[in-house]
Structures are given as C-alpha cells and as structure tokens.
Amino acid sequence: MADNAHPRFTLIGSGLSGALLAAYLGRRGYEVDLYERREDPNAGNFVGGRSINLALSTRGIAALERVGIAGDVLASAIPMRGRMIHGPHGDLHYQPYDKDPALHINSIGRAALNSATIAAAQKHANVRVHFNHRCTEVDLDRPAAKLINTTTNQPIEATGDIVIGVDGAFSAVRRSMQRLDRFDYWQDHLRHGYKELTIPPTASGGFALEKNALHIWPRHSFMMIALPNPDASFTCTLFYPFEGPASFAALKTDDDVRRLFEREFADALPLMPTLLDDFNGNPTGSMVTVRCGPWHYGGKVALLGDAAHAVVPFYGQGANASFEDCIILDECIEAHAPHWERVFEEYDRIRKPDCDALATLAVENFYEMRDKTASRAFRWRKKFERSLHTLLPGSFTPLYTMVSFTRTPYAQAVRKARRQDMVVAVVAALWMIVVPAAVLAIQGTMKAPQALTLMATIVYTVVMVMYARVVVRRRLREK
C-alpha cells in the first residue's frame, strides 16, 4: 500500500471540506467513496438552527477556484466590507476591515456552500457519494470503516486503501485514532453557547440593516452578530453563557427573553418579529476547540478539517482553514505520491502548527469582538493600524489583513504581527519618553538626564499597570 499509485479513497463526512476534498481527489483520477451520515442536502433536507453563517475569504476562495466553483459560490454571497458596531444606546460605529475597500469577506449560508462542494465532487464519475451512512469506528490497520445505513439500520463495511476522516469536531475516525499509543488529544468548550435567530427582510423586500457589513452588538460578557443573506434577511447569532445569572439557563420564560432584548438589543428587537419562535424553536449550540496529533497513521488513515483542528467561529476562518487543508494536502500529493506515508507526514508537518495558531487566534478574537470593539481606544488602534498599512504597505500589515486577505500561513502571520506590535510599542514608548523630556529640558524645568529618567519611569509604570490588567483579565476568563 505504501507506494500504491492508484489507491482507493474512503472519505468519512461530506461536510464542507469532505466534499471539496472528494472533488480534489476526483480531479486527480482517484476512486473515491464519500460517506455522509446526513441526508442529501440537495434533496431539501437541510435543517437550520445550528448553523452560524460562514464568512468566506481569500483562503477558502483560493481552494474553490482550483475546482472551478468560486465564481458560482460568490454569486450567492454578500460582501461584508467591515464591522458595524451597535452600541447599547443605538449608536453605530463602522470599522472597515482593510484600507482597501475592495478587500472584503463574504457572507454565505452553510447549506448553499455545502451543496456547491457536493456538486463539484459528483461531477466526477470516479466519485461516489453515499448519504445516510454513519461511521461508528475505523479499523486503522486494514484500513476499513464500519458504518450503519441509517435508512435500513444495516451495518456495512467500507474498505479501501486510504481512509480520511473529514467528519467534523466529534470525528469517529479520530476517535478510533485516539486508541493509538502517543496520540495526543485536547478539547476545550467555551462557556458560551449560541442560538440562531433571524431578522427578516423589510415589508418592501429590502435589508433592515446595512447590507455590506458584519453587525455586532458587543456587550462585554456576551454579544450578538448578524450576517446578511441574499434574500435580504440576516442570520443573527446570540452568543451567551450557558450558566450563571445572565445565561441561557436563566432565560426561563418568553418574558425573560423579551426583557433581555429590550435591555441589551433595543435597536434590533423591532426588526425581529419571530424572535420568540426562533429562540424556542432553535437549539442552543456549543462551541469547541480541538487539537490533536499526529493527523495520520501509517500512510493509511488521515484527518482533515474540523476532525483535525476544530476552532470556534470568531475569526471567520473555520471553513476557510478546512478548505485550505485541501490545497495543502493536494500539493503534498503532487510532490510525494505515491509515497503516501510521506504525503501525510508532510501535510501534518506543514499544516498543524498553523491550525494550532488559528485555534488560539479564534478564541482571542471572541474576547476582542465581545469586549473591545465598542471602545474608543480599540477604534483608534484599528485606525492607527490602517494608517501604518497605508504609509508602510511593505513593512506593516495588520494581523486581520494577513489572516483574512492573504494566504500567509497562520503561524507566520502571528509571528509577524507580534514583531510589528513590538516595534510599534518601542517607538511609541521612546516618543513618549523623549518628546516630554525634551520639552522639560528646553523649559529649564529640569536637566535633560533627569527629565529622561522621570519620563522613562512614568512610561514604565504605565506599561506595567496595563500589563497587570491584561493578566488579570486573562485569568478571569480562564476561570
């Protein structure tokens, strides 16, 4: 098997990345059987209520372009050029994503995107998609997947040369790999859940809010967001603690829900006529970060997408990262097939550090969206970053721009952003020390060495106080 030039692939999971991976493999001529536990979404079986709208950006678009479906997908997407921040008193603040208005993320429904990727896979005669098949476990050494046909309740076994788990955050393939010696696994659930809600079109069929923006209602310990849809509605998502005085558990009646929205989202409430039906009818979802490794076993089994690296949705990169996995694996196949163990080793080596970095970024961005976006200091910092990017386009690039509008590897983007932040902090500190010291010296208030010492002491004290506040806040979040 190790040097098989024409292996048969068994893919478990036809979600976003599973279907796209099937299209990539089908394009290369490999025989592919794709098994999915759900019914065919193209047969009208998609169920809403648990799906946060997706923000498709450069990485995901690049992956779709390679199978020729990016144009069709983007035709049904809504460009979002920035964040619209809704203050507690109805005040609005717009924050563009980039200095270039042509750079934007794209709001698209999960069902529409999944249908497009499945159709791309099914274009290939050598790709077969089997719906209503739930994987229970995988024999890693053969390899073979054990499944249940959920229509007939009959067990089947899918044998092939390579099994790839693209079956999401609670992957059955990964669960089988967790029995391996020295397989690492870590997961962390946010204390917040989410509830999907809706803002319908206006009576005239238009958008009730600014169309080309991601809307955020930041409220420090919780928030709501809204993403536009092609039918002029908005998919809203309330992120709220599971437990505590202000939590989903505390919302016991319709009046409790209505009072929450009257108090915290007063400008949105009149736009949500189905609020109570949506709140009561849609489940409360959970959000998990998954890190594991290695992502492969013996050139026979591998993991991709959320099965390998589930992240929370707050950087808008979950689907984009999973799609980019397909590019990286495809490039490793091009470089190293038919040596399949080498293929998967290189894929793991290249990709895992980036996805670990993204996992951290996604959680950090939750706190940024929830706690910081409404503050004047945050808005000033973003303006300052855009100004530096304009003045120094080759030297300074904001982290968000690198993550969302380039294919700079995530870990590399984080390292570069930290270096940039350090340089900016040093320059700012020197400016705060030298300029006031010079003024004091010129005025004759004190001698230059004394003035420099005084200003350095003040700046150092301020920095230490700010650092202590950051540490305290981080520890409070971790409790």
Protein backbone atom coordinates (compact mmCIF):
# COMPACT_ATOMS: atom_id res chain seq x y z
CA MET A 1 0.00 0.00 0.00
CA ALA A 2 2.82 2.42 0.85
CA ASP A 3 3.68 3.00 -2.82
CA ASN A 4 0.25 2.44 -4.38
CA ALA A 5 -0.03 4.78 -7.37
CA HIS A 6 -3.80 4.33 -7.69
CA PRO A 7 -5.26 3.95 -4.18
CA ARG A 8 -8.99 3.84 -3.47
CA PHE A 9 -10.03 6.54 -1.03
CA THR A 10 -12.75 6.24 1.59
CA LEU A 11 -13.78 9.64 2.92
CA ILE A 12 -15.92 9.87 6.05
CA GLY A 13 -18.01 13.06 6.11
CA SER A 14 -19.37 15.09 3.19
CA GLY A 15 -19.49 18.40 5.01
CA LEU A 16 -17.73 21.40 3.52
CA SER A 17 -14.17 20.07 3.47
CA GLY A 18 -15.12 16.44 2.84
CA ALA A 19 -16.99 17.20 -0.36
CA LEU A 20 -14.29 19.60 -1.54
CA LEU A 21 -11.56 17.04 -0.84
CA ALA A 22 -13.54 14.47 -2.84
CA ALA A 23 -13.57 16.93 -5.75
CA TYR A 24 -9.79 17.40 -5.48
CA LEU A 25 -9.14 13.65 -5.42
CA GLY A 26 -11.68 13.01 -8.17
CA ARG A 27 -9.94 15.57 -10.35
CA ARG A 28 -6.72 13.57 -9.98
CA GLY A 29 -8.47 10.43 -11.14
CA TYR A 30 -8.58 8.54 -7.85
CA GLU A 31 -11.52 6.29 -6.97
CA VAL A 32 -13.38 7.91 -4.09
CA ASP A 33 -16.27 6.76 -1.90
CA LEU A 34 -17.63 9.55 0.28
CA TYR A 35 -19.89 8.57 3.20
CA GLU A 36 -22.14 11.06 4.99
CA ARG A 37 -24.42 10.43 7.98
CA ARG A 38 -26.95 13.11 6.95
CA GLU A 39 -29.47 13.04 4.14
CA ASP A 40 -28.70 14.64 0.78
CA PRO A 41 -28.91 18.44 1.35
CA ASN A 42 -29.73 18.91 -2.35
CA ALA A 43 -32.95 16.97 -1.74
CA GLY A 44 -34.22 19.74 0.55
CA ASN A 45 -33.17 18.06 3.79
CA PHE A 46 -31.06 20.84 5.29
CA VAL A 47 -32.12 21.67 8.83
CA GLY A 48 -31.41 25.17 10.15
CA GLY A 49 -30.97 26.34 13.68
CA ARG A 50 -27.42 25.15 14.34
CA SER A 51 -25.55 26.83 11.51
CA ILE A 52 -23.59 30.03 12.02
CA ASN A 53 -23.34 31.76 8.64
CA LEU A 54 -19.92 31.43 7.08
CA ALA A 55 -17.51 34.24 6.22
CA LEU A 56 -15.73 33.12 3.08
CA SER A 57 -12.40 34.88 2.45
CA THR A 58 -9.17 34.58 0.47
CA ARG A 59 -8.05 31.14 1.66
CA GLY A 60 -11.40 29.49 1.05
CA ILE A 61 -11.89 31.24 -2.29
CA ALA A 62 -8.45 30.04 -3.45
CA ALA A 63 -9.45 26.45 -2.64
CA LEU A 64 -12.75 26.77 -4.52
CA GLU A 65 -11.02 28.31 -7.53
CA ARG A 66 -8.91 25.18 -8.00
CA VAL A 67 -12.04 23.14 -8.70
CA GLY A 68 -13.70 25.89 -10.71
CA ILE A 69 -16.63 26.78 -8.43
CA ALA A 70 -15.50 30.02 -6.75
CA GLY A 71 -17.41 32.23 -9.19
CA ASP A 72 -20.69 30.38 -8.75
CA VAL A 73 -20.33 30.34 -4.96
CA LEU A 74 -19.53 34.04 -4.72
CA ALA A 75 -22.53 34.87 -6.93
CA SER A 76 -24.76 33.87 -4.00
CA ALA A 77 -22.62 35.56 -1.32
CA ILE A 78 -22.95 39.05 0.19
CA PRO A 79 -19.74 41.11 0.51
CA MET A 80 -19.06 42.43 4.01
CA ARG A 81 -16.52 45.27 3.94
CA GLY A 82 -16.39 45.95 7.67
CA ARG A 83 -17.94 45.64 11.10
CA MET A 84 -20.96 47.72 12.10
CA ILE A 85 -20.85 48.07 15.87
CA HIS A 86 -24.21 48.61 17.61
CA GLY A 87 -23.80 50.40 20.94
CA PRO A 88 -26.17 49.84 23.87
CA HIS A 89 -27.99 53.11 23.12
CA GLY A 90 -28.38 52.51 19.39
CA ASP A 91 -25.22 54.39 18.36
CA LEU A 92 -23.46 52.94 15.32
CA HIS A 93 -19.72 52.76 14.58
CA TYR A 94 -18.40 51.38 11.30
CA GLN A 95 -14.96 49.71 11.24
CA PRO A 96 -13.67 48.80 7.75
CA TYR A 97 -11.72 45.55 7.55
CA ASP A 98 -8.93 47.00 5.44
CA LYS A 99 -7.63 50.23 3.94
CA ASP A 100 -8.59 48.81 0.53
CA PRO A 101 -12.42 48.71 0.21
CA ALA A 102 -12.07 46.03 -2.46
CA LEU A 103 -10.90 43.60 0.25
CA HIS A 104 -13.88 42.08 1.99
CA ILE A 105 -15.18 38.86 3.46
CA ASN A 106 -18.28 37.18 2.06
CA SER A 107 -21.38 36.06 3.94
CA ILE A 108 -22.74 32.77 2.68
CA GLY A 109 -25.06 30.14 4.11
CA ARG A 110 -23.56 26.78 5.03
CA ALA A 111 -26.21 24.86 3.10
CA ALA A 112 -25.57 26.73 -0.16
CA LEU A 113 -21.81 26.25 0.13
CA ASN A 114 -22.13 22.57 1.02
CA SER A 115 -24.43 21.96 -1.94
CA ALA A 116 -21.87 23.57 -4.25
CA THR A 117 -18.98 21.44 -2.96
CA ILE A 118 -21.03 18.22 -3.18
CA ALA A 119 -21.99 19.07 -6.75
CA ALA A 120 -18.31 19.66 -7.56
CA ALA A 121 -17.46 16.19 -6.24
CA GLN A 122 -20.32 14.49 -8.06
CA LYS A 123 -19.16 15.89 -11.40
CA HIS A 124 -16.50 13.18 -11.39
CA ALA A 125 -17.66 9.70 -12.39
CA ASN A 126 -14.99 8.20 -10.12
CA VAL A 127 -16.52 9.87 -7.03
CA ARG A 128 -19.49 8.19 -5.36
CA VAL A 129 -21.40 9.92 -2.56
CA HIS A 130 -23.35 7.78 -0.09
CA PHE A 131 -25.77 9.67 2.17
CA ASN A 132 -27.43 8.25 5.31
CA HIS A 133 -24.31 6.34 6.39
CA ARG A 134 -22.97 6.91 9.90
CA CYS A 135 -19.44 5.82 10.72
CA THR A 136 -19.06 4.03 14.05
CA GLU A 137 -15.37 3.16 14.01
CA VAL A 138 -12.38 2.52 11.76
CA ASP A 139 -10.05 -0.47 11.59
CA LEU A 140 -6.85 1.52 11.16
CA ASP A 141 -4.58 -1.28 10.00
CA ARG A 142 -6.65 -2.67 7.16
CA PRO A 143 -7.97 0.17 6.77
CA ALA A 144 -11.76 -0.20 6.78
CA ALA A 145 -14.63 1.94 8.01
CA LYS A 146 -17.57 0.40 9.82
CA LEU A 147 -20.83 2.21 9.09
CA ILE A 148 -24.56 1.99 9.70
CA ASN A 149 -27.01 2.68 6.88
CA THR A 150 -29.39 4.93 8.81
CA THR A 151 -32.23 4.25 6.36
CA THR A 152 -32.17 0.44 6.69
CA ASN A 153 -30.28 0.25 10.02
CA GLN A 154 -27.97 -2.30 8.40
CA PRO A 155 -24.23 -2.35 9.13
CA ILE A 156 -21.79 -2.17 6.22
CA GLU A 157 -18.03 -2.09 5.89
CA ALA A 158 -16.26 0.27 3.51
CA THR A 159 -12.83 -0.98 2.52
CA GLY A 160 -10.25 0.96 0.58
CA ASP A 161 -6.56 1.76 0.59
CA ILE A 162 -6.77 5.10 2.42
CA VAL A 163 -9.39 6.40 4.88
CA ILE A 164 -9.59 10.14 5.52
CA GLY A 165 -11.72 11.48 8.36
CA VAL A 166 -13.43 14.73 7.40
CA ASP A 167 -16.29 14.08 9.79
CA GLY A 168 -16.16 17.15 11.98
CA ALA A 169 -15.28 18.11 15.52
CA PHE A 170 -16.64 14.87 17.00
CA SER A 171 -14.99 12.65 14.39
CA ALA A 172 -15.48 8.90 14.56
CA VAL A 173 -12.25 8.42 12.61
CA ARG A 174 -10.30 10.48 15.13
CA ARG A 175 -11.96 8.60 17.99
CA SER A 176 -10.51 5.38 16.58
CA MET A 177 -7.08 7.01 16.28
CA GLN A 178 -7.23 8.13 19.91
CA ARG A 179 -6.61 4.50 20.93
CA LEU A 180 -3.16 4.68 19.35
CA ASP A 181 -0.08 4.91 21.52
CA ARG A 182 1.15 8.52 21.86
CA PHE A 183 -1.81 10.07 20.06
CA ASP A 184 -2.43 13.47 21.64
CA TYR A 185 -5.92 14.87 22.04
CA TRP A 186 -7.19 18.05 23.70
CA GLN A 187 -10.56 19.77 23.56
CA ASP A 188 -11.97 22.84 25.25
CA HIS A 189 -15.58 24.01 25.16
CA LEU A 190 -16.38 27.69 25.51
CA ARG A 191 -18.57 28.57 28.47
CA HIS A 192 -20.81 30.34 25.94
CA GLY A 193 -23.36 28.70 23.69
CA TYR A 194 -25.11 30.14 20.67
CA LYS A 195 -28.66 30.50 19.41
CA GLU A 196 -29.58 31.21 15.80
CA LEU A 197 -32.16 33.96 15.25
CA THR A 198 -33.47 35.91 12.26
CA ILE A 199 -34.03 39.46 11.05
CA PRO A 200 -36.37 39.10 8.05
CA PRO A 201 -36.48 41.45 5.04
CA THR A 202 -38.43 44.69 5.36
CA ALA A 203 -42.02 44.93 4.12
CA SER A 204 -40.68 46.23 0.80
CA GLY A 205 -38.25 43.31 0.50
CA GLY A 206 -35.10 45.25 1.40
CA PHE A 207 -32.42 44.83 4.05
CA ALA A 208 -33.39 46.06 7.51
CA LEU A 209 -29.73 46.85 8.34
CA GLU A 210 -26.67 47.92 6.36
CA LYS A 211 -26.26 45.18 3.78
CA ASN A 212 -22.48 45.07 3.34
CA ALA A 213 -21.37 44.73 6.95
CA LEU A 214 -20.99 42.19 9.72
CA HIS A 215 -23.16 43.58 12.51
CA ILE A 216 -22.00 43.17 16.11
CA TRP A 217 -23.77 44.04 19.36
CA PRO A 218 -20.85 43.76 21.86
CA ARG A 219 -21.97 43.61 25.50
CA HIS A 220 -18.74 42.63 27.31
CA SER A 221 -19.77 39.24 28.70
CA PHE A 222 -21.86 38.30 25.65
CA MET A 223 -22.75 39.54 22.17
CA MET A 224 -24.97 39.11 19.14
CA ILE A 225 -23.90 39.19 15.49
CA ALA A 226 -25.85 39.36 12.22
CA LEU A 227 -24.74 38.35 8.72
CA PRO A 228 -26.65 39.25 5.54
CA ASN A 229 -28.32 36.72 3.23
CA PRO A 230 -29.20 37.01 -0.49
CA ASP A 231 -32.93 37.09 0.32
CA ALA A 232 -32.36 40.35 2.29
CA SER A 233 -32.72 38.63 5.66
CA PHE A 234 -29.99 38.47 8.33
CA THR A 235 -28.90 35.37 10.18
CA CYS A 236 -28.37 36.51 13.77
CA THR A 237 -26.45 34.56 16.38
CA LEU A 238 -26.67 35.24 20.10
CA PHE A 239 -23.53 34.16 21.99
CA TYR A 240 -24.49 33.88 25.65
CA PRO A 241 -23.16 31.96 28.68
CA PHE A 242 -24.70 28.54 29.31
CA GLU A 243 -24.87 29.05 33.08
CA GLY A 244 -24.95 31.93 35.56
CA PRO A 245 -27.14 34.93 36.43
CA ALA A 246 -27.03 36.19 32.82
CA SER A 247 -27.22 32.98 30.80
CA PHE A 248 -29.36 30.70 28.67
CA ALA A 249 -30.20 28.76 31.82
CA ALA A 250 -31.64 31.93 33.39
CA LEU A 251 -33.94 32.64 30.42
CA LYS A 252 -36.84 30.51 31.59
CA THR A 253 -39.80 32.31 30.02
CA ASP A 254 -40.71 34.33 26.94
CA ASP A 255 -40.80 37.42 29.13
CA ASP A 256 -37.21 36.76 30.21
CA VAL A 257 -36.11 36.62 26.57
CA ARG A 258 -38.08 39.73 25.64
CA ARG A 259 -36.64 41.69 28.57
CA LEU A 260 -33.10 40.68 27.62
CA PHE A 261 -33.57 42.04 24.11
CA GLU A 262 -35.35 45.18 25.28
CA ARG A 263 -32.45 45.90 27.63
CA GLU A 264 -29.45 44.85 25.51
CA PHE A 265 -30.53 44.84 21.85
CA ALA A 266 -33.23 47.51 21.75
CA ASP A 267 -32.44 48.60 18.18
CA ALA A 268 -32.63 45.01 16.89
CA LEU A 269 -35.78 43.92 18.72
CA PRO A 270 -38.30 45.74 16.44
CA LEU A 271 -36.63 44.03 13.46
CA MET A 272 -37.14 40.52 14.90
CA PRO A 273 -40.86 39.64 14.74
CA THR A 274 -40.11 35.91 15.04
CA LEU A 275 -37.73 36.29 17.99
CA LEU A 276 -39.61 34.08 20.42
CA ASP A 277 -40.39 31.41 17.82
CA ASP A 278 -36.73 31.33 16.78
CA PHE A 279 -35.47 31.31 20.34
CA ASN A 280 -37.75 28.50 21.43
CA GLY A 281 -37.53 26.50 18.23
CA ASN A 282 -33.79 26.53 17.58
CA PRO A 283 -31.39 24.51 19.71
CA THR A 284 -28.60 26.04 21.78
CA GLY A 285 -25.32 25.05 20.18
CA SER A 286 -21.94 24.58 21.83
CA MET A 287 -18.52 25.59 20.52
CA VAL A 288 -15.36 23.56 20.92
CA THR A 289 -11.67 23.85 20.12
CA VAL A 290 -9.92 20.59 19.21
CA ARG A 291 -6.20 19.98 18.99
CA CYS A 292 -4.80 16.54 18.27
CA GLY A 293 -1.92 14.76 16.61
CA PRO A 294 -0.46 13.17 14.70
CA TRP A 295 -3.06 13.63 11.97
CA HIS A 296 -2.14 10.41 10.16
CA TYR A 297 -1.38 6.74 10.67
CA GLY A 298 0.87 4.58 8.56
CA GLY A 299 0.03 6.10 5.20
CA LYS A 300 -3.44 4.57 5.56
CA VAL A 301 -5.53 6.97 7.66
CA ALA A 302 -5.55 10.75 7.95
CA LEU A 303 -7.63 13.61 9.37
CA LEU A 304 -8.61 16.88 7.69
CA GLY A 305 -10.75 19.90 8.59
CA ASP A 306 -12.56 20.04 11.92
CA ALA A 307 -11.73 16.39 12.57
CA ALA A 308 -8.11 17.51 12.94
CA HIS A 309 -8.47 21.08 14.23
CA ALA A 310 -11.94 22.34 15.15
CA VAL A 311 -11.93 26.03 16.07
CA VAL A 312 -14.53 28.42 17.44
CA PRO A 313 -16.07 30.66 14.75
CA PHE A 314 -14.92 34.11 15.83
CA TYR A 315 -12.17 34.71 13.28
CA GLY A 316 -14.38 33.54 10.43
CA GLN A 317 -11.67 31.05 9.44
CA GLY A 318 -13.06 27.60 10.29
CA ALA A 319 -14.32 26.77 6.81
CA ASN A 320 -11.53 28.74 5.16
CA ALA A 321 -8.90 26.78 7.05
CA SER A 322 -10.56 23.45 6.21
CA PHE A 323 -10.69 24.41 2.54
CA GLU A 324 -7.04 25.45 2.68
CA ASP A 325 -6.26 21.98 4.13
CA CYS A 326 -7.39 20.60 0.78
CA ILE A 327 -4.89 22.80 -1.05
CA ILE A 328 -2.02 21.76 1.25
CA LEU A 329 -2.84 18.06 1.02
CA ASP A 330 -3.24 18.32 -2.76
CA GLU A 331 0.19 19.96 -3.01
CA CYS A 332 1.69 17.19 -0.85
CA ILE A 333 0.12 14.57 -3.12
CA GLU A 334 1.59 16.33 -6.14
CA ALA A 335 5.03 16.39 -4.54
CA HIS A 336 5.22 12.97 -2.87
CA ALA A 337 2.62 10.48 -4.18
CA PRO A 338 2.64 7.50 -4.42
CA HIS A 339 4.63 7.51 -1.16
CA TRP A 340 1.53 8.02 0.95
CA GLU A 341 3.13 7.95 4.37
CA ARG A 342 5.43 10.76 3.19
CA VAL A 343 2.41 12.62 1.79
CA PHE A 344 0.63 12.63 5.13
CA GLU A 345 3.78 13.32 7.17
CA GLU A 346 4.46 16.46 5.11
CA TYR A 347 0.82 17.54 5.28
CA ASP A 348 0.93 17.22 9.09
CA ARG A 349 4.32 18.95 9.37
CA ILE A 350 3.27 21.91 7.22
CA ARG A 351 -0.27 22.37 8.43
CA LYS A 352 -0.56 21.51 12.12
CA PRO A 353 1.41 24.50 13.52
CA ASP A 354 -0.76 26.87 11.51
CA CYS A 355 -4.02 25.34 12.71
CA ASP A 356 -2.83 25.39 16.32
CA ALA A 357 -2.09 29.11 15.88
CA LEU A 358 -5.54 29.66 14.38
CA ALA A 359 -7.20 27.94 17.35
CA THR A 360 -5.64 30.49 19.70
CA LEU A 361 -6.48 33.41 17.39
CA ALA A 362 -10.13 32.37 17.18
CA VAL A 363 -10.62 32.34 20.95
CA GLU A 364 -8.78 35.64 21.36
CA ASN A 365 -10.96 37.23 18.69
CA PHE A 366 -14.07 36.22 20.64
CA TYR A 367 -12.93 38.42 23.51
CA GLU A 368 -11.98 41.18 21.08
CA MET A 369 -15.39 41.16 19.41
CA ARG A 370 -17.27 40.84 22.70
CA ASP A 371 -15.25 43.20 24.89
CA LYS A 372 -13.24 45.62 22.79
CA THR A 373 -14.96 46.54 19.54
CA ALA A 374 -17.20 49.14 21.19
CA SER A 375 -14.35 51.02 22.88
CA ARG A 376 -12.86 54.23 21.52
CA ALA A 377 -9.33 53.00 22.26
CA PHE A 378 -9.93 49.93 20.10
CA ARG A 379 -11.33 52.01 17.25
CA TRP A 380 -8.34 54.35 17.47
CA ARG A 381 -5.91 51.42 17.37
CA LYS A 382 -7.59 50.00 14.27
CA LYS A 383 -7.40 53.38 12.54
CA PHE A 384 -3.74 53.63 13.52
CA GLU A 385 -3.06 50.16 12.06
CA ARG A 386 -4.76 51.07 8.79
CA SER A 387 -2.75 54.30 8.63
CA LEU A 388 0.52 52.42 9.14
CA HIS A 389 -0.54 49.90 6.49
CA THR A 390 -1.18 52.77 4.06
CA LEU A 391 2.10 54.54 4.85
CA LEU A 392 4.23 51.38 5.08
CA PRO A 393 2.48 48.81 2.84
CA GLY A 394 5.53 46.60 2.51
CA SER A 395 6.55 46.77 6.15
CA PHE A 396 3.38 46.81 8.23
CA THR A 397 0.35 44.58 7.61
CA PRO A 398 -2.40 44.23 10.24
CA LEU A 399 -2.91 40.71 11.57
CA TYR A 400 -6.52 40.62 10.38
CA THR A 401 -5.42 41.50 6.84
CA MET A 402 -2.81 38.73 6.82
CA VAL A 403 -5.29 36.18 8.12
CA SER A 404 -8.31 37.09 6.02
CA PHE A 405 -6.93 38.61 2.82
CA THR A 406 -3.70 36.71 2.19
CA ARG A 407 -2.57 33.09 2.31
CA THR A 408 0.24 33.86 4.73
CA PRO A 409 0.47 30.76 6.98
CA TYR A 410 -1.39 31.44 10.22
CA ALA A 411 1.61 30.85 12.49
CA GLN A 412 3.80 33.08 10.34
CA ALA A 413 1.14 35.81 10.42
CA VAL A 414 1.05 35.66 14.23
CA ARG A 415 4.84 35.91 14.48
CA LYS A 416 4.97 38.85 12.07
CA ALA A 417 2.15 40.65 13.92
CA ARG A 418 3.98 40.23 17.23
CA ARG A 419 7.18 41.68 15.75
CA GLN A 420 5.22 44.60 14.34
CA ASP A 421 3.50 45.23 17.66
CA MET A 422 6.84 45.18 19.46
CA VAL A 423 8.37 47.71 17.06
CA VAL A 424 5.34 49.99 17.32
CA ALA A 425 5.37 49.72 21.13
CA VAL A 426 9.08 50.55 21.35
CA VAL A 427 8.75 53.53 19.01
CA ALA A 428 5.70 54.79 20.91
CA ALA A 429 7.49 54.40 24.26
CA LEU A 430 10.56 56.25 23.00
CA TRP A 431 8.34 59.00 21.65
CA MET A 432 6.55 59.29 25.00
CA ILE A 433 9.90 59.50 26.80
CA VAL A 434 11.97 61.72 24.52
CA VAL A 435 9.43 64.37 23.50
CA PRO A 436 8.18 65.31 27.02
CA ALA A 437 11.76 65.12 28.34
CA ALA A 438 12.93 67.49 25.63
CA VAL A 439 10.14 69.92 26.46
CA LEU A 440 11.04 69.85 30.16
CA ALA A 441 14.72 70.36 29.38
CA ILE A 442 14.04 73.25 26.98
CA GLN A 443 11.79 74.93 29.53
CA GLY A 444 14.55 74.58 32.10
CA THR A 445 12.29 72.71 34.48
CA MET A 446 14.97 70.07 34.95
CA LYS A 447 18.15 68.86 33.30
CA ALA A 448 17.90 66.51 30.32
CA PRO A 449 19.15 63.34 32.15
CA GLN A 450 16.70 63.90 34.98
CA ALA A 451 13.84 64.57 32.55
CA LEU A 452 14.60 61.39 30.61
CA THR A 453 14.73 59.36 33.83
CA LEU A 454 11.43 60.80 35.03
CA MET A 455 9.60 60.15 31.76
CA ALA A 456 11.06 56.64 31.46
CA THR A 457 9.85 55.86 35.00
CA ILE A 458 6.36 57.15 34.22
CA VAL A 459 6.14 55.21 30.95
CA TYR A 460 7.44 52.03 32.62
CA THR A 461 4.86 52.35 35.41
CA VAL A 462 2.01 52.85 32.94
CA VAL A 463 3.12 49.85 30.87
CA MET A 464 3.34 47.62 33.95
CA VAL A 465 -0.13 48.68 35.12
CA MET A 466 -1.57 47.95 31.66
CA TYR A 467 0.20 44.57 31.58
CA ALA A 468 -1.17 43.67 35.01
CA ARG A 469 -4.69 44.50 33.84
CA VAL A 470 -4.26 42.23 30.82
CA VAL A 471 -3.02 39.36 33.01
CA VAL A 472 -5.90 39.75 35.47
CA ARG A 473 -8.49 39.81 32.69
CA ARG A 474 -6.97 36.72 31.07
CA ARG A 475 -7.06 34.81 34.36
CA LEU A 476 -10.67 35.82 34.95
CA ARG A 477 -11.61 34.50 31.51
CA GLU A 478 -9.90 31.19 32.26
CA LYS A 479 -11.91 30.64 35.46
